[in-house]
Amino acid sequence: KRMNLDGVKVLFIENVGNLICPGEFPLGAHKRLVVVSVTEGPYMVVKHPYIFREANTIVLNKIDLAKAMRVNPSQLERDAKKINPHVPFIKTNALSGMGISKIINALGLKT
């Protein structure tokens, strides 16, 4: 079944499951945004390199929990930059709004 997308300017498609499953399927996306949380642990980038390699923007959310989770955000960024050197890496805290404007800019959207 086809969706009528007339008038739709932005459509977000969320993957189902983990970071591996949807990575290789072409969805016709213009941009690929990967959002991960520090609560997913310190090895998510090295465990799932394909999705990070294909990303146009990487978002690390729940940055306020990094210390409690014993996750080093700078190390996650270094891991991501080894795989995808020029990708924007945005640290966010959705509860406070930190970094949200950077995501909007990275996607080329206006606030």
N, C-alpha and C. Protein backbone atom coordinates (compact mmCIF):
# COMPACT_ATOMS: atom_id res chain seq x y z
N LYS A 1 0.84 -1.17 0.00
CA LYS A 1 0.00 0.00 0.00
C LYS A 1 0.89 1.24 0.00
N ARG A 2 0.52 2.24 -0.75
CA ARG A 2 1.30 3.48 -0.84
C ARG A 2 0.68 4.55 0.05
N MET A 3 1.56 5.37 0.60
CA MET A 3 1.11 6.51 1.41
C MET A 3 1.04 7.75 0.55
N ASN A 4 0.05 8.56 0.76
CA ASN A 4 -0.03 9.84 0.08
C ASN A 4 0.85 10.83 0.84
N LEU A 5 1.93 11.24 0.23
CA LEU A 5 2.88 12.14 0.88
C LEU A 5 2.79 13.57 0.35
N ASP A 6 1.71 13.86 -0.37
CA ASP A 6 1.53 15.23 -0.85
C ASP A 6 1.51 16.18 0.34
N GLY A 7 2.31 17.20 0.27
CA GLY A 7 2.35 18.20 1.33
C GLY A 7 3.26 17.84 2.49
N VAL A 8 3.79 16.63 2.50
CA VAL A 8 4.70 16.22 3.58
C VAL A 8 6.09 16.76 3.27
N LYS A 9 6.61 17.57 4.17
CA LYS A 9 7.94 18.15 3.95
C LYS A 9 9.03 17.34 4.62
N VAL A 10 8.70 16.73 5.75
CA VAL A 10 9.67 15.93 6.49
C VAL A 10 8.98 14.65 6.95
N LEU A 11 9.62 13.53 6.70
CA LEU A 11 9.10 12.25 7.16
C LEU A 11 10.23 11.51 7.87
N PHE A 12 10.03 11.20 9.13
CA PHE A 12 11.00 10.44 9.90
C PHE A 12 10.58 8.98 9.90
N ILE A 13 11.52 8.10 9.60
CA ILE A 13 11.26 6.66 9.62
C ILE A 13 12.14 6.07 10.70
N GLU A 14 11.51 5.48 11.69
CA GLU A 14 12.25 4.88 12.79
C GLU A 14 12.43 3.39 12.52
N ASN A 15 13.66 2.93 12.72
CA ASN A 15 13.90 1.50 12.52
C ASN A 15 13.24 0.69 13.63
N VAL A 16 12.99 -0.56 13.32
CA VAL A 16 12.42 -1.47 14.30
C VAL A 16 13.52 -2.43 14.73
N GLY A 17 13.65 -2.64 16.01
CA GLY A 17 14.66 -3.58 16.49
C GLY A 17 15.96 -2.89 16.83
N ASN A 18 17.05 -3.50 16.40
CA ASN A 18 18.36 -2.97 16.76
C ASN A 18 18.99 -2.19 15.61
N LEU A 19 20.23 -1.79 15.79
CA LEU A 19 20.90 -0.96 14.78
C LEU A 19 21.34 -1.74 13.55
N ILE A 20 21.32 -3.05 13.60
CA ILE A 20 21.79 -3.85 12.47
C ILE A 20 20.70 -4.06 11.43
N CYS A 21 19.51 -4.40 11.88
CA CYS A 21 18.44 -4.84 10.98
C CYS A 21 18.14 -3.90 9.81
N PRO A 22 17.90 -2.61 10.04
CA PRO A 22 17.45 -1.77 8.94
C PRO A 22 18.57 -1.14 8.13
N GLY A 23 19.79 -1.29 8.56
CA GLY A 23 20.90 -0.54 7.98
C GLY A 23 21.11 -0.69 6.50
N GLU A 24 20.89 -1.87 5.97
CA GLU A 24 21.22 -2.11 4.57
C GLU A 24 20.03 -1.98 3.63
N PHE A 25 18.86 -1.67 4.14
CA PHE A 25 17.68 -1.58 3.29
C PHE A 25 17.50 -0.15 2.78
N PRO A 26 17.45 0.03 1.45
CA PRO A 26 17.23 1.37 0.91
C PRO A 26 15.78 1.80 1.13
N LEU A 27 15.62 2.94 1.76
CA LEU A 27 14.28 3.44 2.05
C LEU A 27 13.97 4.71 1.28
N GLY A 28 14.89 5.14 0.44
CA GLY A 28 14.68 6.37 -0.31
C GLY A 28 14.92 7.62 0.51
N ALA A 29 15.62 7.48 1.60
CA ALA A 29 15.89 8.62 2.49
C ALA A 29 16.88 9.58 1.85
N HIS A 30 16.66 10.85 2.10
CA HIS A 30 17.60 11.87 1.65
C HIS A 30 18.73 12.02 2.64
N LYS A 31 18.43 11.79 3.91
CA LYS A 31 19.43 11.89 4.97
C LYS A 31 19.19 10.76 5.96
N ARG A 32 20.28 10.31 6.54
CA ARG A 32 20.18 9.24 7.53
C ARG A 32 20.73 9.73 8.86
N LEU A 33 19.85 9.82 9.82
CA LEU A 33 20.17 10.29 11.16
C LEU A 33 20.16 9.08 12.08
N VAL A 34 21.26 8.87 12.81
CA VAL A 34 21.33 7.78 13.77
C VAL A 34 21.29 8.38 15.16
N VAL A 35 20.33 7.94 15.97
CA VAL A 35 20.20 8.42 17.34
C VAL A 35 20.45 7.24 18.27
N VAL A 36 21.44 7.41 19.15
CA VAL A 36 21.73 6.40 20.17
C VAL A 36 21.80 7.11 21.51
N SER A 37 21.63 6.35 22.56
CA SER A 37 21.67 6.92 23.91
C SER A 37 22.85 6.34 24.67
N VAL A 38 23.37 7.12 25.60
CA VAL A 38 24.48 6.62 26.41
C VAL A 38 24.05 5.38 27.20
N THR A 39 22.77 5.22 27.42
CA THR A 39 22.27 4.05 28.16
C THR A 39 22.44 2.75 27.38
N GLU A 40 22.78 2.86 26.09
CA GLU A 40 23.02 1.66 25.28
C GLU A 40 24.43 1.13 25.47
N GLY A 41 25.25 1.84 26.22
CA GLY A 41 26.58 1.35 26.56
C GLY A 41 27.69 1.93 25.71
N PRO A 42 28.94 1.65 26.11
CA PRO A 42 30.10 2.27 25.50
C PRO A 42 30.56 1.65 24.17
N TYR A 43 29.98 0.54 23.77
CA TYR A 43 30.49 -0.16 22.59
C TYR A 43 29.55 -0.15 21.40
N MET A 44 28.51 0.65 21.44
CA MET A 44 27.51 0.60 20.38
C MET A 44 28.08 0.93 19.00
N VAL A 45 29.03 1.85 18.94
CA VAL A 45 29.59 2.24 17.64
C VAL A 45 30.43 1.10 17.07
N VAL A 46 31.30 0.52 17.88
CA VAL A 46 32.16 -0.55 17.37
C VAL A 46 31.38 -1.84 17.10
N LYS A 47 30.25 -2.05 17.78
CA LYS A 47 29.43 -3.23 17.54
C LYS A 47 28.57 -3.11 16.28
N HIS A 48 28.24 -1.89 15.88
CA HIS A 48 27.34 -1.67 14.75
C HIS A 48 27.93 -0.64 13.78
N PRO A 49 29.10 -0.90 13.22
CA PRO A 49 29.76 0.13 12.40
C PRO A 49 29.00 0.52 11.13
N TYR A 50 28.27 -0.41 10.53
CA TYR A 50 27.63 -0.12 9.24
C TYR A 50 26.69 1.08 9.34
N ILE A 51 25.82 1.08 10.32
CA ILE A 51 24.83 2.15 10.43
C ILE A 51 25.49 3.50 10.68
N PHE A 52 26.61 3.50 11.40
CA PHE A 52 27.33 4.75 11.66
C PHE A 52 28.11 5.20 10.42
N ARG A 53 28.58 4.26 9.63
CA ARG A 53 29.29 4.59 8.39
C ARG A 53 28.35 5.25 7.40
N GLU A 54 27.10 4.83 7.38
CA GLU A 54 26.12 5.34 6.43
C GLU A 54 25.40 6.60 6.91
N ALA A 55 25.61 6.98 8.14
CA ALA A 55 24.88 8.12 8.73
C ALA A 55 25.35 9.46 8.17
N ASN A 56 24.40 10.37 8.00
CA ASN A 56 24.72 11.76 7.67
C ASN A 56 24.89 12.59 8.94
N THR A 57 24.28 12.15 10.01
CA THR A 57 24.38 12.81 11.32
C THR A 57 24.24 11.75 12.40
N ILE A 58 25.07 11.87 13.43
CA ILE A 58 24.97 10.97 14.58
C ILE A 58 24.58 11.80 15.80
N VAL A 59 23.58 11.33 16.52
CA VAL A 59 23.10 12.00 17.72
C VAL A 59 23.33 11.08 18.91
N LEU A 60 24.00 11.59 19.92
CA LEU A 60 24.17 10.87 21.18
C LEU A 60 23.28 11.54 22.20
N ASN A 61 22.20 10.85 22.57
CA ASN A 61 21.21 11.42 23.49
C ASN A 61 21.44 10.93 24.92
N LYS A 62 20.75 11.57 25.82
CA LYS A 62 20.82 11.30 27.26
C LYS A 62 22.24 11.54 27.79
N ILE A 63 22.87 12.57 27.25
CA ILE A 63 24.24 12.90 27.62
C ILE A 63 24.37 13.17 29.11
N ASP A 64 23.28 13.60 29.73
CA ASP A 64 23.30 13.87 31.17
C ASP A 64 23.49 12.60 32.01
N LEU A 65 23.29 11.44 31.41
CA LEU A 65 23.43 10.17 32.13
C LEU A 65 24.79 9.50 31.89
N ALA A 66 25.66 10.14 31.13
CA ALA A 66 26.93 9.51 30.76
C ALA A 66 27.76 9.08 31.96
N LYS A 67 27.90 9.95 32.93
CA LYS A 67 28.72 9.63 34.10
C LYS A 67 28.13 8.44 34.86
N ALA A 68 26.83 8.47 35.10
CA ALA A 68 26.17 7.39 35.83
C ALA A 68 26.28 6.05 35.08
N MET A 69 26.28 6.11 33.75
CA MET A 69 26.36 4.89 32.94
C MET A 69 27.81 4.48 32.67
N ARG A 70 28.74 5.30 33.13
CA ARG A 70 30.18 5.05 32.91
C ARG A 70 30.49 4.94 31.41
N VAL A 71 29.92 5.88 30.68
CA VAL A 71 30.13 5.97 29.24
C VAL A 71 30.86 7.27 28.96
N ASN A 72 31.92 7.19 28.17
CA ASN A 72 32.70 8.36 27.80
C ASN A 72 32.20 8.87 26.44
N PRO A 73 31.43 9.95 26.40
CA PRO A 73 30.92 10.47 25.13
C PRO A 73 32.02 10.81 24.13
N SER A 74 33.15 11.30 24.62
CA SER A 74 34.26 11.64 23.72
C SER A 74 34.81 10.39 23.04
N GLN A 75 34.85 9.27 23.76
CA GLN A 75 35.31 8.02 23.15
C GLN A 75 34.33 7.53 22.10
N LEU A 76 33.04 7.65 22.37
CA LEU A 76 32.04 7.27 21.37
C LEU A 76 32.19 8.13 20.12
N GLU A 77 32.45 9.41 20.31
CA GLU A 77 32.65 10.29 19.15
C GLU A 77 33.91 9.89 18.39
N ARG A 78 34.99 9.58 19.09
CA ARG A 78 36.22 9.13 18.41
C ARG A 78 35.96 7.85 17.62
N ASP A 79 35.24 6.91 18.22
CA ASP A 79 34.90 5.67 17.53
C ASP A 79 34.11 5.96 16.26
N ALA A 80 33.14 6.85 16.36
CA ALA A 80 32.32 7.20 15.20
C ALA A 80 33.14 7.88 14.11
N LYS A 81 34.04 8.77 14.52
CA LYS A 81 34.85 9.52 13.54
C LYS A 81 35.87 8.62 12.84
N LYS A 82 36.27 7.51 13.48
CA LYS A 82 37.14 6.54 12.81
C LYS A 82 36.40 5.88 11.65
N ILE A 83 35.13 5.68 11.82
CA ILE A 83 34.29 5.02 10.81
C ILE A 83 33.79 6.01 9.77
N ASN A 84 33.45 7.21 10.21
CA ASN A 84 32.83 8.23 9.36
C ASN A 84 33.42 9.59 9.76
N PRO A 85 34.61 9.92 9.23
CA PRO A 85 35.38 11.07 9.73
C PRO A 85 34.69 12.44 9.67
N HIS A 86 33.81 12.66 8.73
CA HIS A 86 33.25 14.00 8.54
C HIS A 86 31.81 14.13 9.04
N VAL A 87 31.28 13.10 9.67
CA VAL A 87 29.89 13.13 10.11
C VAL A 87 29.72 14.08 11.30
N PRO A 88 28.68 14.90 11.28
CA PRO A 88 28.38 15.69 12.48
C PRO A 88 27.99 14.76 13.63
N PHE A 89 28.56 14.99 14.78
CA PHE A 89 28.28 14.19 15.99
C PHE A 89 27.71 15.15 17.01
N ILE A 90 26.44 14.99 17.32
CA ILE A 90 25.73 15.95 18.17
C ILE A 90 25.35 15.30 19.49
N LYS A 91 25.76 15.92 20.57
CA LYS A 91 25.41 15.44 21.91
C LYS A 91 24.16 16.18 22.37
N THR A 92 23.18 15.39 22.83
CA THR A 92 21.91 16.00 23.21
C THR A 92 21.42 15.51 24.56
N ASN A 93 20.51 16.31 25.08
CA ASN A 93 19.72 15.94 26.25
C ASN A 93 18.31 16.40 25.90
N ALA A 94 17.49 15.48 25.47
CA ALA A 94 16.15 15.84 25.01
C ALA A 94 15.30 16.46 26.11
N LEU A 95 15.56 16.09 27.36
CA LEU A 95 14.78 16.67 28.46
C LEU A 95 15.02 18.16 28.62
N SER A 96 16.27 18.58 28.44
CA SER A 96 16.59 20.00 28.59
C SER A 96 16.55 20.75 27.26
N GLY A 97 16.56 20.01 26.16
CA GLY A 97 16.59 20.65 24.84
C GLY A 97 17.99 20.88 24.31
N MET A 98 19.00 20.52 25.08
CA MET A 98 20.39 20.72 24.66
C MET A 98 20.65 19.97 23.35
N GLY A 99 21.18 20.68 22.37
CA GLY A 99 21.58 20.08 21.10
C GLY A 99 20.48 19.94 20.06
N ILE A 100 19.24 20.18 20.42
CA ILE A 100 18.14 19.99 19.47
C ILE A 100 18.25 20.93 18.28
N SER A 101 18.63 22.17 18.52
CA SER A 101 18.79 23.12 17.41
C SER A 101 19.90 22.67 16.46
N LYS A 102 20.92 22.00 16.99
CA LYS A 102 22.00 21.48 16.13
C LYS A 102 21.49 20.37 15.22
N ILE A 103 20.58 19.55 15.72
CA ILE A 103 19.98 18.51 14.88
C ILE A 103 19.17 19.15 13.77
N ILE A 104 18.37 20.13 14.12
CA ILE A 104 17.55 20.83 13.13
C ILE A 104 18.43 21.43 12.04
N ASN A 105 19.53 22.05 12.43
CA ASN A 105 20.46 22.63 11.46
C ASN A 105 21.12 21.55 10.61
N ALA A 106 21.53 20.44 11.23
CA ALA A 106 22.18 19.36 10.49
C ALA A 106 21.26 18.75 9.44
N LEU A 107 19.97 18.76 9.71
CA LEU A 107 18.99 18.23 8.76
C LEU A 107 18.57 19.26 7.72
N GLY A 108 19.07 20.48 7.86
CA GLY A 108 18.72 21.53 6.92
C GLY A 108 17.31 22.05 7.09
N LEU A 109 16.78 21.94 8.30
CA LEU A 109 15.43 22.41 8.59
C LEU A 109 15.48 23.77 9.26
N LYS A 110 14.39 24.47 9.24
CA LYS A 110 14.30 25.77 9.90
C LYS A 110 13.46 25.63 11.15
N THR A 111 13.80 26.39 12.19
CA THR A 111 13.02 26.35 13.42
C THR A 111 11.89 27.36 13.36
